[in-house]
Amino acid sequence: MIGVPYNIDGSESRLTGLAVSFGLGLCERYGLPVDQVDERLTSMEARMMLTEQRRTGQRRRKIRREDIDSLSAKLIAEAWLREN
């Protein structure tokens, strides 16, 4: 499963084609299906969740890009699991 970035309006972003090509490459290399998940808004949702955790004291550490990316990946995986 890979996250595919689209623009907010559903059109392809500059990274959409690269993500799809990467998924196809994985499929060809390993002979396994690779599902694509729309990752629109996951970074924004992750940032909002982490900001709320800091506001409520659940999180003390400064929010880093790596934290947002990690939580975004989790949100993408959860969306895939819900759909499958």
Protein backbone atom coordinates (compact mmCIF):
# COMPACT_ATOMS: atom_id res chain seq x y z
CA MET A 1 0.00 0.00 0.00
CA ILE A 2 1.29 3.41 -0.92
CA GLY A 3 -0.07 6.88 -0.28
CA VAL A 4 -0.69 8.88 -3.43
CA PRO A 5 -0.66 12.67 -3.10
CA TYR A 6 -3.39 14.58 -4.90
CA ASN A 7 -4.22 18.27 -4.81
CA ILE A 8 -7.10 19.32 -2.59
CA ASP A 9 -9.42 19.47 -5.63
CA GLY A 10 -8.59 15.88 -6.60
CA SER A 11 -6.29 16.76 -9.48
CA GLU A 12 -2.84 15.26 -9.72
CA SER A 13 -0.02 16.98 -7.85
CA ARG A 14 3.58 17.14 -9.07
CA LEU A 15 4.29 14.01 -6.97
CA THR A 16 1.27 11.90 -7.98
CA GLY A 17 2.95 10.33 -11.00
CA LEU A 18 6.11 9.57 -9.05
CA ALA A 19 4.15 7.81 -6.31
CA VAL A 20 2.14 5.76 -8.81
CA SER A 21 5.33 4.80 -10.69
CA PHE A 22 6.96 3.79 -7.42
CA GLY A 23 3.97 1.56 -6.59
CA LEU A 24 4.04 -0.04 -10.04
CA GLY A 25 7.77 -0.67 -9.63
CA LEU A 26 7.16 -2.42 -6.31
CA CYS A 27 4.42 -4.52 -7.87
CA GLU A 28 6.65 -5.59 -10.76
CA ARG A 29 9.67 -6.26 -8.59
CA TYR A 30 7.96 -8.35 -5.95
CA GLY A 31 4.97 -9.68 -7.85
CA LEU A 32 2.57 -8.52 -5.16
CA PRO A 33 -0.40 -6.19 -5.42
CA VAL A 34 0.19 -2.62 -4.31
CA ASP A 35 -2.91 -0.66 -3.34
CA GLN A 36 -3.00 3.10 -3.71
CA VAL A 37 -4.49 5.27 -0.97
CA ASP A 38 -5.42 8.91 -1.44
CA GLU A 39 -3.34 10.76 1.11
CA ARG A 40 -4.97 14.16 0.69
CA LEU A 41 -5.16 16.10 3.93
CA THR A 42 -3.33 13.49 6.04
CA SER A 43 -0.42 15.86 6.75
CA MET A 44 -2.84 18.59 7.77
CA GLU A 45 -4.78 16.18 9.98
CA ALA A 46 -1.56 14.91 11.56
CA ARG A 47 -0.34 18.45 12.26
CA MET A 48 -3.67 19.35 13.87
CA MET A 49 -3.62 16.22 16.04
CA LEU A 50 -0.05 16.86 17.20
CA THR A 51 -0.80 20.53 17.88
CA GLU A 52 -3.80 19.52 20.00
CA GLN A 53 -1.63 17.04 21.92
CA ARG A 54 0.82 19.85 22.71
CA ARG A 55 -1.99 22.19 23.70
CA THR A 56 -3.46 19.67 26.15
CA GLY A 57 -0.08 18.64 27.57
CA GLN A 58 -0.13 15.11 26.13
CA ARG A 59 2.95 16.02 24.13
CA ARG A 60 5.84 18.12 25.36
CA ARG A 61 8.30 17.82 22.50
CA LYS A 62 8.29 20.32 19.63
CA ILE A 63 6.50 19.08 16.51
CA ARG A 64 9.00 18.03 13.86
CA ARG A 65 8.44 17.23 10.18
CA GLU A 66 9.31 13.60 10.96
CA ASP A 67 6.52 13.47 13.55
CA ILE A 68 4.00 14.75 11.02
CA ASP A 69 5.19 12.28 8.36
CA SER A 70 5.05 9.37 10.80
CA LEU A 71 1.53 10.16 11.98
CA SER A 72 0.44 10.78 8.38
CA ALA A 73 1.68 7.30 7.42
CA LYS A 74 -0.30 5.85 10.32
CA LEU A 75 -3.44 7.68 9.18
CA ILE A 76 -2.98 6.41 5.60
CA ALA A 77 -2.57 2.83 6.85
CA GLU A 78 -5.65 3.11 9.06
CA ALA A 79 -7.69 4.43 6.11
CA TRP A 80 -6.58 1.47 4.01
CA LEU A 81 -7.45 -0.98 6.79
CA ARG A 82 -10.93 0.53 7.17
CA GLU A 83 -11.57 0.17 3.44
CA ASN A 84 -10.28 -3.39 3.21
